[in-house]
Amino acid sequence: MGNSAEVLVLSDRYTASLVMSLLNEAINAALRQRDVPQVGTAGSSSVADALRSLLAPKAAQAGLAPNDTHVEPDALQELVSRLEHAGYGEIIGSWIGDGGNKPIEPQQIAAALGPLANDLSRNSGLPRKRLVQELARFLPTVIDRITPHGKLPHTVAAP
C-alpha cells in the first residue's frame, strides 16, 4: 500500500469521479421527486437538458448522452459564484451544506444568471419565464445531490 498522501489522492480522485458521475442520477431523482416525465419526444426532458447545459455545458455542446455527462466543476463553481454575487449565498450554501434546502424564487434565478438564462432558454427550447421557474424548482435538489458531504466536486490533477 502507498503512503497516506498517495491514498488521499486516490481517494480524492475516486470521490470527484463518483460525484461528477451523479449528475444524470441527480437530475432524474429531482424530476421523479416532482413527478415530471424524464423523457420527452426528443429522448430527454427540456428541463433536464437545461440543467445539464447549466452544470455540464461542454458535454452538452459536444452532444454527449445524458449518462455520459458529468458535473463540470468549473460550471458548478460559476453557478455558485453567480448566486453569491447576486446576494443569494445563504440560499446556495443551504443546497451545498447539510440540512434543509432553502427555496429560491424564479426572479432570483433570472437575476443571478443574467444573459445566460436567455442562452439556456434558447438551447433547451423552454420559454425564458418557464426556464427560470423550472430551475428555481429543481436546482436546490440537484445541487444538494451532487454535493454530498457539503463539498463542491473538484478535479484532481494526475500526479
N, C-alpha and C. Protein backbone atom coordinates (compact mmCIF):
# COMPACT_ATOMS: atom_id res chain seq x y z
N MET A 1 0.86 -1.18 0.00
CA MET A 1 0.00 0.00 0.00
C MET A 1 0.90 1.24 0.00
N GLY A 2 0.47 2.29 -0.66
CA GLY A 2 1.26 3.52 -0.74
C GLY A 2 1.18 4.31 0.55
N ASN A 3 1.91 5.42 0.53
CA ASN A 3 1.86 6.27 1.73
C ASN A 3 0.52 6.99 1.80
N SER A 4 0.27 7.65 2.90
CA SER A 4 -1.04 8.27 3.12
C SER A 4 -1.35 9.36 2.11
N ALA A 5 -0.34 10.07 1.61
CA ALA A 5 -0.58 11.11 0.60
C ALA A 5 -1.09 10.48 -0.70
N GLU A 6 -0.53 9.32 -1.10
CA GLU A 6 -1.00 8.63 -2.30
C GLU A 6 -2.42 8.14 -2.12
N VAL A 7 -2.73 7.60 -0.97
CA VAL A 7 -4.07 7.11 -0.69
C VAL A 7 -5.06 8.28 -0.73
N LEU A 8 -4.68 9.42 -0.18
CA LEU A 8 -5.55 10.59 -0.19
C LEU A 8 -5.83 11.04 -1.61
N VAL A 9 -4.81 11.08 -2.48
CA VAL A 9 -5.01 11.49 -3.86
C VAL A 9 -5.94 10.52 -4.57
N LEU A 10 -5.75 9.22 -4.37
CA LEU A 10 -6.63 8.24 -4.99
C LEU A 10 -8.05 8.40 -4.47
N SER A 11 -8.19 8.64 -3.18
CA SER A 11 -9.50 8.85 -2.58
C SER A 11 -10.16 10.10 -3.17
N ASP A 12 -9.41 11.20 -3.30
CA ASP A 12 -9.95 12.42 -3.88
C ASP A 12 -10.38 12.19 -5.32
N ARG A 13 -9.59 11.45 -6.09
CA ARG A 13 -9.94 11.16 -7.48
C ARG A 13 -11.22 10.35 -7.54
N TYR A 14 -11.31 9.32 -6.70
CA TYR A 14 -12.50 8.48 -6.68
C TYR A 14 -13.72 9.29 -6.30
N THR A 15 -13.61 10.09 -5.26
CA THR A 15 -14.73 10.92 -4.81
C THR A 15 -15.14 11.90 -5.89
N ALA A 16 -14.18 12.59 -6.51
CA ALA A 16 -14.51 13.54 -7.57
C ALA A 16 -15.18 12.83 -8.73
N SER A 17 -14.67 11.67 -9.12
CA SER A 17 -15.25 10.91 -10.23
C SER A 17 -16.66 10.46 -9.88
N LEU A 18 -16.84 9.95 -8.67
CA LEU A 18 -18.15 9.48 -8.24
C LEU A 18 -19.15 10.62 -8.22
N VAL A 19 -18.80 11.74 -7.65
CA VAL A 19 -19.71 12.88 -7.56
C VAL A 19 -20.04 13.39 -8.96
N MET A 20 -19.03 13.51 -9.80
CA MET A 20 -19.27 14.02 -11.14
C MET A 20 -20.15 13.09 -11.94
N SER A 21 -20.12 11.78 -11.67
CA SER A 21 -20.93 10.84 -12.43
C SER A 21 -22.39 10.86 -11.98
N LEU A 22 -22.68 11.55 -10.91
CA LEU A 22 -24.03 11.55 -10.36
C LEU A 22 -24.96 12.60 -10.99
N LEU A 23 -24.51 13.38 -11.95
CA LEU A 23 -25.35 14.45 -12.49
C LEU A 23 -26.65 13.91 -13.05
N ASN A 24 -26.59 12.94 -13.95
CA ASN A 24 -27.80 12.42 -14.55
C ASN A 24 -28.72 11.80 -13.50
N GLU A 25 -28.12 11.07 -12.57
CA GLU A 25 -28.89 10.47 -11.48
C GLU A 25 -29.56 11.55 -10.62
N ALA A 26 -28.83 12.61 -10.32
CA ALA A 26 -29.38 13.71 -9.50
C ALA A 26 -30.52 14.40 -10.22
N ILE A 27 -30.35 14.65 -11.51
CA ILE A 27 -31.41 15.30 -12.29
C ILE A 27 -32.64 14.41 -12.35
N ASN A 28 -32.45 13.13 -12.66
CA ASN A 28 -33.58 12.22 -12.75
C ASN A 28 -34.29 12.06 -11.41
N ALA A 29 -33.54 12.01 -10.32
CA ALA A 29 -34.16 11.91 -9.00
C ALA A 29 -34.98 13.15 -8.68
N ALA A 30 -34.46 14.32 -9.04
CA ALA A 30 -35.20 15.56 -8.80
C ALA A 30 -36.48 15.59 -9.63
N LEU A 31 -36.40 15.12 -10.86
CA LEU A 31 -37.60 15.07 -11.71
C LEU A 31 -38.62 14.09 -11.15
N ARG A 32 -38.16 12.91 -10.73
CA ARG A 32 -39.07 11.92 -10.14
C ARG A 32 -39.73 12.47 -8.88
N GLN A 33 -38.95 13.16 -8.08
CA GLN A 33 -39.47 13.72 -6.82
C GLN A 33 -40.63 14.67 -7.09
N ARG A 34 -40.59 15.35 -8.22
CA ARG A 34 -41.64 16.31 -8.57
C ARG A 34 -42.62 15.76 -9.61
N ASP A 35 -42.56 14.45 -9.87
CA ASP A 35 -43.45 13.78 -10.83
C ASP A 35 -43.40 14.40 -12.22
N VAL A 36 -42.20 14.70 -12.69
CA VAL A 36 -42.01 15.26 -14.02
C VAL A 36 -41.52 14.15 -14.93
N PRO A 37 -42.15 13.98 -16.11
CA PRO A 37 -41.65 12.96 -17.04
C PRO A 37 -40.18 13.22 -17.36
N GLN A 38 -39.39 12.15 -17.34
CA GLN A 38 -37.96 12.30 -17.57
C GLN A 38 -37.58 12.27 -19.04
N VAL A 39 -38.44 11.71 -19.87
CA VAL A 39 -38.12 11.60 -21.28
C VAL A 39 -39.27 12.17 -22.10
N GLY A 40 -38.92 13.08 -22.98
CA GLY A 40 -39.91 13.66 -23.88
C GLY A 40 -39.80 13.04 -25.25
N THR A 41 -40.43 13.65 -26.24
CA THR A 41 -40.43 13.09 -27.58
C THR A 41 -39.05 13.09 -28.21
N ALA A 42 -38.18 14.00 -27.80
CA ALA A 42 -36.83 14.06 -28.37
C ALA A 42 -35.86 13.17 -27.60
N GLY A 43 -36.36 12.39 -26.62
CA GLY A 43 -35.49 11.48 -25.89
C GLY A 43 -35.01 12.02 -24.56
N SER A 44 -35.32 13.26 -24.25
CA SER A 44 -34.89 13.84 -22.98
C SER A 44 -35.83 14.99 -22.63
N SER A 45 -35.98 15.23 -21.36
CA SER A 45 -36.80 16.34 -20.88
C SER A 45 -36.09 17.66 -21.15
N SER A 46 -36.84 18.68 -21.55
CA SER A 46 -36.26 20.00 -21.76
C SER A 46 -35.67 20.55 -20.47
N VAL A 47 -36.32 20.26 -19.35
CA VAL A 47 -35.83 20.71 -18.06
C VAL A 47 -34.49 20.04 -17.76
N ALA A 48 -34.41 18.73 -17.99
CA ALA A 48 -33.16 18.00 -17.77
C ALA A 48 -32.07 18.54 -18.68
N ASP A 49 -32.42 18.83 -19.92
CA ASP A 49 -31.44 19.38 -20.86
C ASP A 49 -30.92 20.73 -20.37
N ALA A 50 -31.80 21.56 -19.86
CA ALA A 50 -31.38 22.87 -19.35
C ALA A 50 -30.45 22.72 -18.15
N LEU A 51 -30.77 21.80 -17.25
CA LEU A 51 -29.92 21.56 -16.08
C LEU A 51 -28.55 21.04 -16.50
N ARG A 52 -28.54 20.13 -17.47
CA ARG A 52 -27.25 19.61 -17.96
C ARG A 52 -26.45 20.72 -18.63
N SER A 53 -27.13 21.57 -19.40
CA SER A 53 -26.43 22.67 -20.07
C SER A 53 -25.83 23.65 -19.06
N LEU A 54 -26.50 23.83 -17.94
CA LEU A 54 -26.01 24.74 -16.91
C LEU A 54 -24.84 24.13 -16.13
N LEU A 55 -24.92 22.85 -15.82
CA LEU A 55 -23.94 22.20 -14.95
C LEU A 55 -22.87 21.41 -15.69
N ALA A 56 -23.07 21.20 -16.99
CA ALA A 56 -22.09 20.49 -17.81
C ALA A 56 -22.13 21.04 -19.23
N PRO A 57 -21.83 22.34 -19.39
CA PRO A 57 -22.01 22.97 -20.71
C PRO A 57 -21.12 22.39 -21.81
N LYS A 58 -19.91 21.99 -21.49
CA LYS A 58 -19.03 21.43 -22.52
C LYS A 58 -19.58 20.11 -23.03
N ALA A 59 -20.05 19.27 -22.13
CA ALA A 59 -20.62 17.98 -22.51
C ALA A 59 -21.90 18.19 -23.33
N ALA A 60 -22.71 19.17 -22.91
CA ALA A 60 -23.94 19.46 -23.64
C ALA A 60 -23.63 19.94 -25.06
N GLN A 61 -22.64 20.83 -25.19
CA GLN A 61 -22.26 21.33 -26.50
C GLN A 61 -21.69 20.22 -27.38
N ALA A 62 -21.01 19.26 -26.77
CA ALA A 62 -20.43 18.15 -27.53
C ALA A 62 -21.47 17.11 -27.89
N GLY A 63 -22.68 17.25 -27.32
CA GLY A 63 -23.76 16.31 -27.63
C GLY A 63 -23.63 14.96 -26.93
N LEU A 64 -22.92 14.93 -25.80
CA LEU A 64 -22.78 13.67 -25.07
C LEU A 64 -24.14 13.20 -24.55
N ALA A 65 -24.30 11.90 -24.49
CA ALA A 65 -25.51 11.31 -23.95
C ALA A 65 -25.62 11.65 -22.46
N PRO A 66 -26.85 11.77 -21.95
CA PRO A 66 -27.02 12.11 -20.52
C PRO A 66 -26.23 11.21 -19.58
N ASN A 67 -26.17 9.91 -19.85
CA ASN A 67 -25.44 9.00 -18.97
C ASN A 67 -23.94 9.19 -19.04
N ASP A 68 -23.46 9.89 -20.07
CA ASP A 68 -22.03 10.15 -20.21
C ASP A 68 -21.67 11.56 -19.76
N THR A 69 -22.64 12.28 -19.23
CA THR A 69 -22.44 13.67 -18.83
C THR A 69 -22.16 13.74 -17.33
N HIS A 70 -21.07 14.43 -17.00
CA HIS A 70 -20.67 14.60 -15.60
C HIS A 70 -20.72 16.07 -15.24
N VAL A 71 -20.90 16.34 -13.96
CA VAL A 71 -20.82 17.71 -13.48
C VAL A 71 -19.46 18.27 -13.85
N GLU A 72 -19.44 19.46 -14.41
CA GLU A 72 -18.18 20.13 -14.70
C GLU A 72 -17.93 21.09 -13.54
N PRO A 73 -16.93 20.79 -12.72
CA PRO A 73 -16.69 21.59 -11.52
C PRO A 73 -16.60 23.10 -11.79
N ASP A 74 -16.02 23.48 -12.92
CA ASP A 74 -15.93 24.91 -13.24
C ASP A 74 -17.32 25.52 -13.45
N ALA A 75 -18.20 24.77 -14.09
CA ALA A 75 -19.56 25.26 -14.33
C ALA A 75 -20.33 25.38 -13.02
N LEU A 76 -20.16 24.39 -12.15
CA LEU A 76 -20.82 24.45 -10.84
C LEU A 76 -20.28 25.62 -10.03
N GLN A 77 -18.98 25.82 -10.05
CA GLN A 77 -18.38 26.94 -9.31
C GLN A 77 -18.87 28.27 -9.88
N GLU A 78 -19.03 28.34 -11.21
CA GLU A 78 -19.54 29.57 -11.82
C GLU A 78 -20.97 29.85 -11.35
N LEU A 79 -21.80 28.82 -11.29
CA LEU A 79 -23.17 28.99 -10.81
C LEU A 79 -23.17 29.46 -9.36
N VAL A 80 -22.35 28.83 -8.53
CA VAL A 80 -22.25 29.24 -7.11
C VAL A 80 -21.82 30.70 -7.04
N SER A 81 -20.83 31.09 -7.82
CA SER A 81 -20.34 32.48 -7.81
C SER A 81 -21.42 33.45 -8.26
N ARG A 82 -22.16 33.09 -9.30
CA ARG A 82 -23.24 33.96 -9.79
C ARG A 82 -24.29 34.19 -8.70
N LEU A 83 -24.66 33.10 -8.03
CA LEU A 83 -25.67 33.22 -6.97
C LEU A 83 -25.13 34.02 -5.78
N GLU A 84 -23.87 33.78 -5.42
CA GLU A 84 -23.28 34.54 -4.32
C GLU A 84 -23.18 36.03 -4.66
N HIS A 85 -22.73 36.35 -5.86
CA HIS A 85 -22.58 37.75 -6.26
C HIS A 85 -23.93 38.47 -6.37
N ALA A 86 -24.99 37.70 -6.64
CA ALA A 86 -26.33 38.29 -6.71
C ALA A 86 -26.95 38.44 -5.32
N GLY A 87 -26.23 37.99 -4.28
CA GLY A 87 -26.72 38.14 -2.92
C GLY A 87 -27.45 36.92 -2.38
N TYR A 88 -27.31 35.78 -3.06
CA TYR A 88 -28.03 34.58 -2.65
C TYR A 88 -27.10 33.49 -2.11
N GLY A 89 -26.00 33.92 -1.50
CA GLY A 89 -25.02 32.99 -0.96
C GLY A 89 -25.59 32.08 0.12
N GLU A 90 -26.46 32.63 0.94
CA GLU A 90 -27.07 31.83 2.00
C GLU A 90 -27.95 30.73 1.42
N ILE A 91 -28.63 31.05 0.33
CA ILE A 91 -29.50 30.06 -0.33
C ILE A 91 -28.67 28.94 -0.94
N ILE A 92 -27.69 29.29 -1.76
CA ILE A 92 -26.86 28.26 -2.40
C ILE A 92 -26.09 27.48 -1.34
N GLY A 93 -25.68 28.14 -0.28
CA GLY A 93 -25.00 27.45 0.81
C GLY A 93 -25.86 26.38 1.45
N SER A 94 -27.16 26.63 1.53
CA SER A 94 -28.07 25.63 2.11
C SER A 94 -28.19 24.41 1.20
N TRP A 95 -28.07 24.60 -0.11
CA TRP A 95 -28.15 23.46 -1.03
C TRP A 95 -26.91 22.60 -0.95
N ILE A 96 -25.77 23.25 -0.73
CA ILE A 96 -24.49 22.53 -0.68
C ILE A 96 -24.29 21.90 0.70
N GLY A 97 -24.63 22.62 1.73
CA GLY A 97 -24.41 22.15 3.09
C GLY A 97 -25.40 21.11 3.54
N ASP A 98 -25.17 20.62 4.72
CA ASP A 98 -26.10 19.66 5.33
C ASP A 98 -27.33 20.42 5.80
N GLY A 99 -28.44 19.72 5.92
CA GLY A 99 -29.66 20.35 6.37
C GLY A 99 -30.60 20.63 5.21
N GLY A 100 -31.65 21.38 5.50
CA GLY A 100 -32.67 21.65 4.50
C GLY A 100 -32.21 22.62 3.42
N ASN A 101 -32.84 22.52 2.27
CA ASN A 101 -32.55 23.41 1.15
C ASN A 101 -33.51 24.59 1.17
N LYS A 102 -32.96 25.79 1.22
CA LYS A 102 -33.80 26.98 1.16
C LYS A 102 -34.30 27.16 -0.26
N PRO A 103 -35.54 27.61 -0.41
CA PRO A 103 -36.07 27.83 -1.76
C PRO A 103 -35.48 29.09 -2.39
N ILE A 104 -35.59 29.15 -3.69
CA ILE A 104 -35.17 30.33 -4.44
C ILE A 104 -36.30 30.68 -5.40
N GLU A 105 -36.50 31.94 -5.62
CA GLU A 105 -37.57 32.41 -6.50
C GLU A 105 -37.08 32.49 -7.94
N PRO A 106 -37.97 32.29 -8.91
CA PRO A 106 -37.57 32.39 -10.31
C PRO A 106 -36.88 33.71 -10.65
N GLN A 107 -37.38 34.82 -10.10
CA GLN A 107 -36.75 36.11 -10.41
C GLN A 107 -35.33 36.20 -9.84
N GLN A 108 -35.07 35.48 -8.75
CA GLN A 108 -33.72 35.44 -8.20
C GLN A 108 -32.78 34.65 -9.12
N ILE A 109 -33.28 33.54 -9.65
CA ILE A 109 -32.50 32.76 -10.62
C ILE A 109 -32.22 33.63 -11.85
N ALA A 110 -33.25 34.31 -12.35
CA ALA A 110 -33.08 35.16 -13.54
C ALA A 110 -32.04 36.25 -13.29
N ALA A 111 -32.09 36.87 -12.12
CA ALA A 111 -31.14 37.94 -11.80
C ALA A 111 -29.71 37.39 -11.72
N ALA A 112 -29.55 36.22 -11.11
CA ALA A 112 -28.22 35.65 -10.96
C ALA A 112 -27.64 35.17 -12.29
N LEU A 113 -28.47 34.61 -13.14
CA LEU A 113 -27.98 34.08 -14.41
C LEU A 113 -27.79 35.16 -15.48
N GLY A 114 -28.57 36.22 -15.39
CA GLY A 114 -28.44 37.27 -16.39
C GLY A 114 -28.67 36.74 -17.80
N PRO A 115 -27.83 37.14 -18.77
CA PRO A 115 -28.00 36.71 -20.16
C PRO A 115 -27.87 35.19 -20.36
N LEU A 116 -27.22 34.50 -19.43
CA LEU A 116 -27.10 33.05 -19.54
C LEU A 116 -28.48 32.40 -19.57
N ALA A 117 -29.45 32.99 -18.87
CA ALA A 117 -30.81 32.44 -18.89
C ALA A 117 -31.38 32.44 -20.30
N ASN A 118 -31.07 33.48 -21.09
CA ASN A 118 -31.54 33.52 -22.48
C ASN A 118 -30.91 32.40 -23.30
N ASP A 119 -29.61 32.16 -23.09
CA ASP A 119 -28.92 31.08 -23.81
C ASP A 119 -29.52 29.72 -23.45
N LEU A 120 -29.73 29.50 -22.15
CA LEU A 120 -30.31 28.23 -21.71
C LEU A 120 -31.72 28.04 -22.27
N SER A 121 -32.48 29.12 -22.31
CA SER A 121 -33.83 29.08 -22.86
C SER A 121 -33.78 28.68 -24.33
N ARG A 122 -32.93 29.32 -25.06
CA ARG A 122 -32.81 29.04 -26.50
C ARG A 122 -32.36 27.59 -26.72
N ASN A 123 -31.37 27.14 -25.98
CA ASN A 123 -30.83 25.80 -26.18
C ASN A 123 -31.79 24.69 -25.73
N SER A 124 -32.57 24.96 -24.71
CA SER A 124 -33.48 23.93 -24.19
C SER A 124 -34.84 23.93 -24.89
N GLY A 125 -35.16 25.07 -25.53
CA GLY A 125 -36.48 25.18 -26.15
C GLY A 125 -37.57 25.62 -25.18
N LEU A 126 -37.20 25.89 -23.94
CA LEU A 126 -38.17 26.36 -22.95
C LEU A 126 -38.24 27.88 -23.00
N PRO A 127 -39.44 28.43 -22.93
CA PRO A 127 -39.52 29.90 -22.82
C PRO A 127 -38.77 30.35 -21.56
N ARG A 128 -38.16 31.52 -21.62
CA ARG A 128 -37.32 32.02 -20.52
C ARG A 128 -38.05 32.01 -19.18
N LYS A 129 -39.28 32.46 -19.17
CA LYS A 129 -40.05 32.51 -17.92
C LYS A 129 -40.21 31.10 -17.32
N ARG A 130 -40.54 30.14 -18.17
CA ARG A 130 -40.70 28.77 -17.67
C ARG A 130 -39.36 28.19 -17.26
N LEU A 131 -38.31 28.50 -18.01
CA LEU A 131 -36.98 28.01 -17.67
C LEU A 131 -36.58 28.42 -16.26
N VAL A 132 -36.70 29.70 -15.93
CA VAL A 132 -36.27 30.14 -14.59
C VAL A 132 -37.19 29.57 -13.51
N GLN A 133 -38.46 29.35 -13.85
CA GLN A 133 -39.36 28.70 -12.88
C GLN A 133 -38.89 27.28 -12.59
N GLU A 134 -38.54 26.56 -13.66
CA GLU A 134 -38.10 25.17 -13.50
C GLU A 134 -36.74 25.09 -12.81
N LEU A 135 -35.84 25.99 -13.14
CA LEU A 135 -34.54 25.99 -12.46
C LEU A 135 -34.73 26.27 -10.97
N ALA A 136 -35.60 27.21 -10.63
CA ALA A 136 -35.87 27.51 -9.22
C ALA A 136 -36.46 26.28 -8.51
N ARG A 137 -37.21 25.52 -9.23
CA ARG A 137 -37.86 24.34 -8.68
C ARG A 137 -36.88 23.18 -8.48
N PHE A 138 -35.95 23.00 -9.42
CA PHE A 138 -35.11 21.81 -9.40
C PHE A 138 -33.68 22.01 -8.92
N LEU A 139 -33.13 23.20 -9.09
CA LEU A 139 -31.72 23.40 -8.71
C LEU A 139 -31.43 23.05 -7.25
N PRO A 140 -32.28 23.43 -6.30
CA PRO A 140 -31.94 23.08 -4.91
C PRO A 140 -31.70 21.58 -4.71
N THR A 141 -32.55 20.75 -5.29
CA THR A 141 -32.41 19.30 -5.13
C THR A 141 -31.21 18.77 -5.89
N VAL A 142 -31.02 19.24 -7.13
CA VAL A 142 -29.91 18.75 -7.94
C VAL A 142 -28.57 19.13 -7.29
N ILE A 143 -28.43 20.39 -6.89
CA ILE A 143 -27.18 20.83 -6.26
C ILE A 143 -26.94 20.07 -4.97
N ASP A 144 -27.98 19.88 -4.19
CA ASP A 144 -27.87 19.12 -2.95
C ASP A 144 -27.34 17.72 -3.22
N ARG A 145 -27.86 17.07 -4.24
CA ARG A 145 -27.48 15.69 -4.55
C ARG A 145 -26.06 15.57 -5.11
N ILE A 146 -25.59 16.60 -5.82
CA ILE A 146 -24.24 16.50 -6.42
C ILE A 146 -23.15 17.07 -5.51
N THR A 147 -23.55 17.49 -4.32
CA THR A 147 -22.58 17.99 -3.35
C THR A 147 -22.71 17.23 -2.03
N PRO A 148 -22.48 15.92 -2.08
CA PRO A 148 -22.59 15.16 -0.83
C PRO A 148 -21.54 15.62 0.17
N HIS A 149 -21.87 15.49 1.40
CA HIS A 149 -20.97 15.87 2.49
C HIS A 149 -20.67 17.36 2.48
N GLY A 150 -21.50 18.16 1.81
CA GLY A 150 -21.33 19.61 1.84
C GLY A 150 -20.12 20.13 1.11
N LYS A 151 -19.66 19.41 0.10
CA LYS A 151 -18.47 19.82 -0.63
C LYS A 151 -18.74 19.90 -2.13
N LEU A 152 -18.17 20.92 -2.75
CA LEU A 152 -18.24 21.03 -4.20
C LEU A 152 -17.29 20.01 -4.82
N PRO A 153 -17.71 19.38 -5.93
CA PRO A 153 -16.78 18.48 -6.62
C PRO A 153 -15.63 19.28 -7.19
N HIS A 154 -14.48 18.66 -7.27
CA HIS A 154 -13.32 19.33 -7.84
C HIS A 154 -12.53 18.33 -8.66
N THR A 155 -11.75 18.84 -9.55
CA THR A 155 -10.91 17.96 -10.34
C THR A 155 -9.59 17.78 -9.60
N VAL A 156 -9.05 16.61 -9.73
CA VAL A 156 -7.77 16.31 -9.10
C VAL A 156 -6.80 16.00 -10.22
N ALA A 157 -5.75 16.79 -10.30
CA ALA A 157 -4.75 16.59 -11.34
C ALA A 157 -4.00 15.28 -11.14
N ALA A 158 -3.67 14.65 -12.22
CA ALA A 158 -2.89 13.42 -12.13
C ALA A 158 -1.48 13.74 -11.62
N PRO A 159 -0.91 12.83 -10.82
CA PRO A 159 0.44 13.08 -10.28
C PRO A 159 1.48 13.05 -11.38
